[in-house]
Amino acid sequence: MKYSKEEVMQYVEEEDVKFIRLAFCDVFGKQKNISIMPKELPRAFEYGIAFDASAITGFGDETHSDLLLHPDSETLALLPWRPEHGKVVRMFTRITYPDGRPFECDTRSLLKKAVEDAKKAGYSFSFGAEQEFYLFTLDENGKPTKNPYDDAGYMDLAPDDRGENIRREICLTLEQMGIRPESSHHEEGPGQNEVDFRYSDALSAADNVMTFQTVVKTSARRNGLFADFGPKPLEGKPGNGFHINMSVKSGNSAEDLCRMIAGVLEKVCEMTAFLNPTEDSYQRFGNCKAPAYVSWSSENRSQLVRIPAAIDEYRRAELRSPDPTANPYLAFTLMIYAGLYGIENKLELPIVADINLFKADEETLRKFKRLPRTFEEACKLALGSEFIRQHIPAAVLDIYCGK
């Protein structure tokens, strides 16, 4: 349910809400928040709530440290794990300077602009997220270890799979927060899990990813465990992927889907610094179903982009290279613009790669463009990309890749 400002204030008063969390993230997608009391809510809606941004990565220094958070009433959600009496709710926010100018490093606002640009061009994009994570035990001091919670494998059952009750708790909590889970299961790695939720519009999908990570980490900690979303938590074991499902609606969706995919394939190497923003991200490529080459196919999980078996409204493309350290607002922003680039330029898909690239010989692999091998290489491509500079503010690009 999407609330108006008036409905939010009525809800807070009637439901014994004592704390309102105003949520945002830094340029890397690390979640932040500030809590306000109910009496401050009218001021938050009218003027925004000031905060010291100098300590937030990329948000400025001590000379220009004041920024304002403006809550988005439509994103109101109760935090079910907080006390029943004296409830806590959360809203996502947009960020501005004190004079009202949009803050250029507010990545959520960048995605809103991308959605608006697509709408003006006559297109709407939907996204679905699949994020993997590991569950590790804690030591006697409550610090995370690298000891997996179980030794189960892909889609195993209890008692081998010890994570099913935690996944159940995650799914029920997501439902309480208005997010619809579709499936959950044990992944290939020891202690590795996955929960998928239903596709939605781009902004809601990115908000849901942020909420999902909070719910997973909270549920894990409540059960005496640590949830690790890192791209390669265990050497020699499967990495964590952030598989992004993307579809487009327009007057000619079937043709535009192919052109959208072609645009993403053409721009993906330039986007990789934002889809895979850590050094460890590149340890994941090329093994355990993580792609290393720019290719596509139907259903084939050795490819960068696959088109899953589906019909009508469920027909989509799945990008398999990103990992959960990516900022979803930036990832979806770039995928929208790459999709629009492909559609507007009527790009044709390259030849389908109906082969297993993990088992292909060197001669075969030489026919395919390779994803960047290191974060340094990815940054070099981003810095030299007109496409990236057109859609990513210089301040954000500098924070990721330097000048």
Protein backbone atom coordinates (compact mmCIF):
# COMPACT_ATOMS: atom_id res chain seq x y z
CA MET A 1 0.00 0.00 0.00
CA LYS A 2 1.23 3.47 -0.90
CA TYR A 3 0.49 6.15 1.67
CA SER A 4 0.00 9.91 1.33
CA LYS A 5 1.68 12.28 3.80
CA GLU A 6 -1.61 12.73 5.64
CA GLU A 7 -2.14 8.98 5.85
CA VAL A 8 1.36 8.48 7.25
CA MET A 9 0.75 11.00 10.02
CA GLN A 10 -2.60 9.40 10.81
CA TYR A 11 -0.99 5.92 10.87
CA VAL A 12 1.77 7.09 13.21
CA GLU A 13 -0.77 8.56 15.61
CA GLU A 14 -3.22 5.65 15.58
CA GLU A 15 -0.72 2.77 15.64
CA ASP A 16 1.43 3.91 18.59
CA VAL A 17 4.49 4.61 16.45
CA LYS A 18 7.27 6.16 18.51
CA PHE A 19 10.18 6.22 16.06
CA ILE A 20 10.33 7.02 12.34
CA ARG A 21 13.48 5.94 10.53
CA LEU A 22 14.45 8.06 7.54
CA ALA A 23 16.50 5.71 5.36
CA PHE A 24 19.03 6.44 2.63
CA CYS A 25 22.31 5.00 1.37
CA ASP A 26 25.77 6.20 0.45
CA VAL A 27 27.00 5.99 -3.15
CA PHE A 28 28.06 2.37 -2.64
CA GLY A 29 24.61 1.33 -1.45
CA LYS A 30 25.52 1.02 2.24
CA GLN A 31 22.35 1.71 4.19
CA LYS A 32 22.07 4.60 6.63
CA ASN A 33 19.25 6.10 8.63
CA ILE A 34 18.30 8.69 11.20
CA SER A 35 15.39 8.26 13.63
CA ILE A 36 12.98 11.06 14.42
CA MET A 37 10.11 11.28 16.88
CA PRO A 38 6.48 11.56 15.71
CA LYS A 39 6.23 15.28 16.54
CA GLU A 40 9.01 15.96 13.99
CA LEU A 41 7.16 14.29 11.13
CA PRO A 42 5.27 17.38 9.84
CA ARG A 43 8.59 19.28 9.72
CA ALA A 44 10.23 16.36 7.88
CA PHE A 45 7.55 16.41 5.20
CA GLU A 46 7.52 20.20 4.78
CA TYR A 47 11.19 21.14 5.12
CA GLY A 48 13.25 17.96 5.45
CA ILE A 49 15.47 16.81 8.30
CA ALA A 50 19.05 18.09 8.33
CA PHE A 51 21.98 15.76 8.95
CA ASP A 52 25.76 16.00 8.98
CA ALA A 53 26.82 14.47 5.68
CA SER A 54 30.57 14.95 6.14
CA ALA A 55 31.02 11.48 7.63
CA ILE A 56 29.13 9.72 4.80
CA THR A 57 31.32 8.40 1.98
CA GLY A 58 31.15 10.82 -0.94
CA PHE A 59 28.70 13.19 0.69
CA GLY A 60 31.08 16.12 1.19
CA ASP A 61 33.49 17.45 3.79
CA GLU A 62 33.20 19.64 6.87
CA THR A 63 32.94 22.85 4.81
CA HIS A 64 29.64 21.83 3.16
CA SER A 65 28.27 19.24 5.53
CA ASP A 66 24.53 19.98 5.83
CA LEU A 67 22.11 18.02 3.70
CA LEU A 68 18.37 17.40 4.11
CA LEU A 69 16.38 14.16 4.08
CA HIS A 70 12.85 14.33 2.65
CA PRO A 71 10.74 11.23 3.41
CA ASP A 72 8.86 9.48 0.61
CA SER A 73 5.46 8.74 2.18
CA GLU A 74 4.73 5.97 -0.34
CA THR A 75 7.55 3.83 1.11
CA LEU A 76 6.19 3.62 4.67
CA ALA A 77 6.79 0.19 6.21
CA LEU A 78 6.56 -1.17 9.73
CA LEU A 79 9.70 -2.87 11.05
CA PRO A 80 8.17 -6.11 12.40
CA TRP A 81 11.18 -7.08 14.51
CA ARG A 82 10.95 -3.95 16.65
CA PRO A 83 8.72 -3.78 19.80
CA GLU A 84 4.95 -4.09 19.39
CA HIS A 85 4.44 -1.19 21.81
CA GLY A 86 6.24 1.93 20.68
CA LYS A 87 6.45 0.74 17.06
CA VAL A 88 9.15 1.68 14.57
CA VAL A 89 8.47 2.51 10.92
CA ARG A 90 10.75 3.32 8.01
CA MET A 91 10.53 5.55 4.95
CA PHE A 92 13.06 5.99 2.16
CA THR A 93 14.10 9.55 1.40
CA ARG A 94 15.41 11.91 -1.22
CA ILE A 95 18.37 14.13 -0.40
CA THR A 96 18.77 17.84 -1.15
CA TYR A 97 21.04 20.73 -0.35
CA PRO A 98 19.65 23.33 2.11
CA ASP A 99 18.66 25.56 -0.84
CA GLY A 100 16.49 22.79 -2.28
CA ARG A 101 18.82 21.64 -5.06
CA PRO A 102 18.92 17.85 -5.59
CA PHE A 103 22.05 16.25 -4.16
CA GLU A 104 23.99 14.74 -7.06
CA CYS A 105 25.18 11.72 -5.05
CA ASP A 106 21.64 10.68 -4.10
CA THR A 107 21.54 7.48 -6.15
CA ARG A 108 17.84 6.85 -5.48
CA SER A 109 17.04 10.15 -7.20
CA LEU A 110 19.25 9.10 -10.14
CA LEU A 111 17.06 6.03 -10.60
CA LYS A 112 13.88 8.13 -10.39
CA LYS A 113 15.23 10.30 -13.20
CA ALA A 114 16.05 7.23 -15.31
CA VAL A 115 12.49 5.96 -14.84
CA GLU A 116 11.11 9.36 -15.86
CA ASP A 117 13.37 9.51 -18.94
CA ALA A 118 12.20 6.04 -19.98
CA LYS A 119 8.57 7.04 -19.49
CA LYS A 120 9.01 10.13 -21.67
CA ALA A 121 10.44 7.87 -24.38
CA GLY A 122 7.39 5.58 -24.10
CA TYR A 123 8.89 2.69 -22.13
CA SER A 124 8.56 1.22 -18.66
CA PHE A 125 11.01 -1.26 -17.18
CA SER A 126 10.43 -3.83 -14.46
CA PHE A 127 13.04 -5.56 -12.33
CA GLY A 128 13.26 -8.66 -10.20
CA ALA A 129 16.14 -9.41 -7.85
CA GLU A 130 17.78 -12.65 -6.82
CA GLN A 131 20.45 -12.19 -4.16
CA GLU A 132 22.53 -14.96 -2.59
CA PHE A 133 24.09 -14.84 0.86
CA TYR A 134 26.07 -17.04 3.23
CA LEU A 135 25.18 -17.74 6.86
CA PHE A 136 28.22 -17.95 9.13
CA THR A 137 28.47 -18.68 12.84
CA LEU A 138 29.65 -16.13 15.41
CA ASP A 139 32.57 -16.58 17.79
CA GLU A 140 32.36 -16.29 21.60
CA ASN A 141 32.65 -12.50 21.28
CA GLY A 142 29.80 -12.24 18.78
CA LYS A 143 32.15 -11.59 15.86
CA PRO A 144 31.56 -13.26 12.46
CA THR A 145 33.61 -16.33 11.59
CA LYS A 146 34.09 -18.04 8.24
CA ASN A 147 32.45 -21.21 9.54
CA PRO A 148 29.34 -21.98 7.45
CA TYR A 149 26.13 -22.69 9.34
CA ASP A 150 25.73 -25.98 7.47
CA ASP A 151 27.34 -28.19 4.82
CA ALA A 152 24.24 -28.62 2.68
CA GLY A 153 24.17 -28.29 -1.10
CA TYR A 154 21.82 -27.00 -3.78
CA MET A 155 18.14 -27.27 -2.75
CA ASP A 156 18.93 -29.78 0.01
CA LEU A 157 16.40 -30.41 2.78
CA ALA A 158 16.60 -30.34 6.54
CA PRO A 159 18.31 -31.62 8.59
CA ASP A 160 21.25 -31.10 6.17
CA ASP A 161 19.86 -27.66 5.36
CA ARG A 162 19.87 -25.78 8.67
CA GLY A 163 18.82 -22.49 7.12
CA GLU A 164 15.22 -23.28 6.24
CA ASN A 165 13.75 -21.78 9.42
CA ILE A 166 15.75 -18.59 8.92
CA ARG A 167 14.60 -18.35 5.29
CA ARG A 168 11.03 -18.88 6.55
CA GLU A 169 11.47 -16.02 9.01
CA ILE A 170 12.89 -13.83 6.23
CA CYS A 171 9.96 -14.57 3.90
CA LEU A 172 7.33 -13.92 6.57
CA THR A 173 9.01 -10.66 7.56
CA LEU A 174 9.18 -9.51 3.93
CA GLU A 175 5.44 -10.25 3.56
CA GLN A 176 4.70 -8.14 6.64
CA MET A 177 6.60 -5.29 4.99
CA GLY A 178 4.64 -5.53 1.75
CA ILE A 179 7.24 -7.45 -0.28
CA ARG A 180 6.08 -10.65 -1.97
CA PRO A 181 8.62 -13.52 -1.81
CA GLU A 182 8.35 -16.04 -4.65
CA SER A 183 10.77 -18.79 -3.63
CA SER A 184 13.60 -19.65 -1.27
CA HIS A 185 16.12 -22.47 -1.12
CA HIS A 186 19.60 -23.56 -0.10
CA GLU A 187 22.23 -22.63 -2.65
CA GLU A 188 25.31 -24.60 -3.81
CA GLY A 189 27.79 -23.33 -1.25
CA PRO A 190 27.92 -24.51 2.39
CA GLY A 191 25.67 -22.21 4.38
CA GLN A 192 24.64 -20.38 1.19
CA ASN A 193 21.00 -19.36 0.67
CA GLU A 194 18.76 -17.53 -1.77
CA VAL A 195 15.36 -15.83 -1.46
CA ASP A 196 13.69 -14.43 -4.60
CA PHE A 197 10.86 -11.91 -4.63
CA ARG A 198 8.39 -10.79 -7.25
CA TYR A 199 9.33 -8.28 -9.92
CA SER A 200 8.12 -4.67 -9.70
CA ASP A 201 8.81 -1.22 -11.07
CA ALA A 202 12.45 -0.13 -10.94
CA LEU A 203 12.29 2.14 -7.89
CA SER A 204 10.24 -0.30 -5.80
CA ALA A 205 12.55 -3.14 -6.82
CA ALA A 206 15.66 -1.23 -5.71
CA ASP A 207 13.97 -0.26 -2.42
CA ASN A 208 13.05 -3.91 -1.95
CA VAL A 209 16.67 -4.98 -2.40
CA MET A 210 17.72 -2.56 0.33
CA THR A 211 14.93 -3.82 2.59
CA PHE A 212 15.79 -7.44 1.80
CA GLN A 213 19.41 -7.08 2.92
CA THR A 214 18.30 -5.43 6.17
CA VAL A 215 15.78 -8.20 6.85
CA VAL A 216 18.30 -10.96 6.11
CA LYS A 217 21.01 -9.45 8.30
CA THR A 218 18.53 -8.80 11.12
CA SER A 219 17.05 -12.31 10.96
CA ALA A 220 20.50 -13.87 10.90
CA ARG A 221 21.64 -11.90 13.94
CA ARG A 222 18.44 -12.76 15.84
CA ASN A 223 19.39 -16.40 15.30
CA GLY A 224 22.99 -15.94 16.43
CA LEU A 225 24.43 -15.90 12.91
CA PHE A 226 26.04 -13.51 10.42
CA ALA A 227 24.70 -12.99 6.90
CA ASP A 228 27.48 -12.31 4.37
CA PHE A 229 26.53 -10.77 1.02
CA GLY A 230 30.14 -10.49 -0.16
CA PRO A 231 30.91 -11.61 -3.72
CA LYS A 232 33.35 -14.36 -2.67
CA PRO A 233 33.12 -15.15 1.06
CA LEU A 234 34.90 -18.52 0.79
CA GLU A 235 37.82 -19.29 -1.50
CA GLY A 236 37.07 -22.18 -3.83
CA LYS A 237 33.32 -22.06 -3.14
CA PRO A 238 30.51 -20.41 -5.12
CA GLY A 239 30.33 -16.63 -4.88
CA ASN A 240 27.21 -14.63 -4.13
CA GLY A 241 25.39 -13.37 -7.18
CA PHE A 242 22.89 -10.56 -7.63
CA HIS A 243 20.97 -11.82 -10.64
CA ILE A 244 18.87 -9.01 -12.08
CA ASN A 245 15.76 -9.83 -14.11
CA MET A 246 14.68 -7.04 -16.44
CA SER A 247 11.74 -6.58 -18.79
CA VAL A 248 10.33 -3.72 -20.87
CA LYS A 249 6.80 -2.69 -21.76
CA SER A 250 6.02 -0.71 -24.89
CA GLY A 251 4.06 -0.95 -28.11
CA ASN A 252 6.26 -3.77 -29.36
CA SER A 253 7.54 -5.57 -26.28
CA ALA A 254 8.86 -8.71 -28.01
CA GLU A 255 11.12 -6.80 -30.38
CA ASP A 256 12.08 -4.27 -27.73
CA LEU A 257 13.12 -7.01 -25.30
CA CYS A 258 15.75 -8.20 -27.77
CA ARG A 259 16.97 -4.65 -28.41
CA MET A 260 17.06 -3.98 -24.67
CA ILE A 261 19.26 -7.05 -24.18
CA ALA A 262 21.50 -5.96 -27.07
CA GLY A 263 21.98 -2.56 -25.43
CA VAL A 264 22.90 -4.11 -22.08
CA LEU A 265 25.36 -6.47 -23.77
CA GLU A 266 27.01 -3.58 -25.62
CA LYS A 267 27.40 -1.41 -22.51
CA VAL A 268 27.97 -4.04 -19.81
CA CYS A 269 31.76 -3.82 -19.68
CA GLU A 270 31.56 -0.05 -19.23
CA MET A 271 28.98 -0.57 -16.43
CA THR A 272 30.87 -3.33 -14.62
CA ALA A 273 32.64 -1.06 -12.10
CA PHE A 274 29.18 -0.25 -10.71
CA LEU A 275 27.78 -3.79 -10.98
CA ASN A 276 30.86 -5.32 -9.32
CA PRO A 277 32.45 -2.58 -7.18
CA THR A 278 35.03 -4.50 -5.12
CA GLU A 279 38.28 -6.33 -5.83
CA ASP A 280 36.70 -9.58 -4.60
CA SER A 281 33.95 -9.20 -7.21
CA TYR A 282 36.38 -10.31 -9.91
CA GLN A 283 37.35 -13.49 -8.05
CA ARG A 284 33.80 -14.69 -8.67
CA PHE A 285 33.81 -14.41 -12.48
CA GLY A 286 34.30 -17.53 -14.56
CA ASN A 287 33.41 -20.27 -12.11
CA CYS A 288 30.44 -21.77 -10.26
CA LYS A 289 27.93 -20.37 -12.80
CA ALA A 290 29.31 -16.82 -12.63
CA PRO A 291 29.90 -15.52 -16.18
CA ALA A 292 33.18 -14.23 -17.57
CA TYR A 293 32.25 -13.43 -21.18
CA VAL A 294 29.75 -11.17 -22.94
CA SER A 295 27.20 -13.58 -24.36
CA TRP A 296 23.55 -14.55 -24.22
CA SER A 297 21.34 -17.58 -24.61
CA SER A 298 17.99 -19.02 -23.58
CA GLU A 299 18.03 -20.75 -20.19
CA ASN A 300 21.82 -21.42 -20.36
CA ARG A 301 23.39 -20.47 -17.01
CA SER A 302 26.93 -20.25 -18.38
CA GLN A 303 26.02 -17.03 -20.22
CA LEU A 304 26.13 -13.40 -19.09
CA VAL A 305 22.49 -12.87 -20.10
CA ARG A 306 19.95 -15.65 -20.26
CA ILE A 307 16.30 -15.55 -21.21
CA PRO A 308 14.53 -17.83 -18.71
CA ALA A 309 11.71 -20.08 -19.80
CA ALA A 310 8.60 -17.91 -19.40
CA ILE A 311 5.66 -16.54 -21.38
CA ASP A 312 3.77 -13.26 -21.75
CA GLU A 313 4.21 -10.90 -18.77
CA TYR A 314 6.88 -13.11 -17.21
CA ARG A 315 9.18 -12.94 -20.25
CA ARG A 316 12.39 -11.25 -19.18
CA ALA A 317 16.17 -11.20 -19.42
CA GLU A 318 18.44 -12.14 -16.54
CA LEU A 319 21.81 -10.40 -16.13
CA ARG A 320 24.06 -12.73 -14.14
CA SER A 321 27.28 -10.75 -13.61
CA PRO A 322 26.36 -8.33 -10.75
CA ASP A 323 26.99 -9.22 -7.12
CA PRO A 324 25.25 -8.01 -3.94
CA THR A 325 27.86 -5.32 -3.22
CA ALA A 326 26.37 -3.32 -6.11
CA ASN A 327 24.22 -0.31 -5.29
CA PRO A 328 20.85 -1.39 -6.78
CA TYR A 329 19.85 2.19 -7.59
CA LEU A 330 22.95 2.66 -9.75
CA ALA A 331 22.70 -0.83 -11.26
CA PHE A 332 19.08 -0.36 -12.33
CA THR A 333 19.77 3.19 -13.55
CA LEU A 334 22.51 2.02 -15.89
CA MET A 335 20.52 -0.99 -17.09
CA ILE A 336 17.57 1.26 -17.99
CA TYR A 337 19.76 3.62 -19.98
CA ALA A 338 21.59 0.73 -21.68
CA GLY A 339 18.21 -0.82 -22.54
CA LEU A 340 16.97 2.47 -23.96
CA TYR A 341 20.21 2.80 -25.95
CA GLY A 342 19.60 -0.59 -27.52
CA ILE A 343 15.94 0.11 -28.28
CA GLU A 344 16.41 3.60 -29.69
CA ASN A 345 19.34 2.50 -31.88
CA LYS A 346 17.52 -0.69 -32.95
CA LEU A 347 20.47 -2.85 -32.00
CA GLU A 348 20.45 -6.47 -33.09
CA LEU A 349 21.36 -9.28 -30.73
CA PRO A 350 24.69 -10.98 -31.40
CA ILE A 351 24.65 -14.64 -32.40
CA VAL A 352 23.20 -16.79 -29.63
CA ALA A 353 25.75 -18.82 -27.64
CA ASP A 354 24.06 -22.16 -27.07
CA ILE A 355 27.16 -23.74 -25.57
CA ASN A 356 28.61 -24.27 -22.11
CA LEU A 357 31.24 -21.53 -21.85
CA PHE A 358 32.64 -23.07 -18.66
CA LYS A 359 33.71 -26.11 -20.71
CA ALA A 360 34.59 -24.37 -23.99
CA ASP A 361 38.12 -24.49 -25.42
CA GLU A 362 40.34 -21.42 -25.84
CA GLU A 363 39.63 -21.12 -29.56
CA THR A 364 35.90 -20.89 -28.86
CA LEU A 365 36.32 -18.43 -25.99
CA ARG A 366 38.42 -16.07 -28.15
CA LYS A 367 35.28 -15.34 -30.16
CA PHE A 368 33.68 -13.66 -27.15
CA LYS A 369 34.45 -10.36 -25.48
CA ARG A 370 35.56 -10.86 -21.89
CA LEU A 371 34.26 -8.99 -18.86
CA PRO A 372 36.89 -6.91 -17.04
CA ARG A 373 39.31 -9.13 -15.11
CA THR A 374 39.95 -6.64 -12.29
CA PHE A 375 38.26 -3.68 -10.65
CA GLU A 376 41.07 -1.48 -11.98
CA GLU A 377 40.30 -2.58 -15.54
CA ALA A 378 36.58 -1.98 -14.98
CA CYS A 379 37.26 1.53 -13.69
CA LYS A 380 39.43 2.32 -16.70
CA LEU A 381 36.57 1.35 -19.00
CA ALA A 382 34.08 3.41 -16.97
CA LEU A 383 36.30 6.49 -16.94
CA GLY A 384 36.70 6.32 -20.71
CA SER A 385 33.00 5.76 -21.39
CA GLU A 386 30.87 8.54 -22.83
CA PHE A 387 27.81 6.47 -21.88
CA ILE A 388 28.84 6.37 -18.19
CA ARG A 389 29.71 10.06 -18.09
CA GLN A 390 26.35 10.88 -19.63
CA HIS A 391 24.36 9.05 -16.95
CA ILE A 392 26.54 8.94 -13.82
CA PRO A 393 27.42 12.26 -12.12
CA ALA A 394 31.11 13.11 -12.14
CA ALA A 395 31.17 13.14 -8.33
CA VAL A 396 29.88 9.55 -8.17
CA LEU A 397 32.25 8.35 -10.91
CA ASP A 398 35.21 9.93 -9.09
CA ILE A 399 34.26 8.25 -5.82
CA TYR A 400 34.14 4.85 -7.51
CA CYS A 401 37.06 5.12 -9.89
CA GLY A 402 39.10 8.21 -9.03
CA LYS A 403 40.04 10.97 -11.44
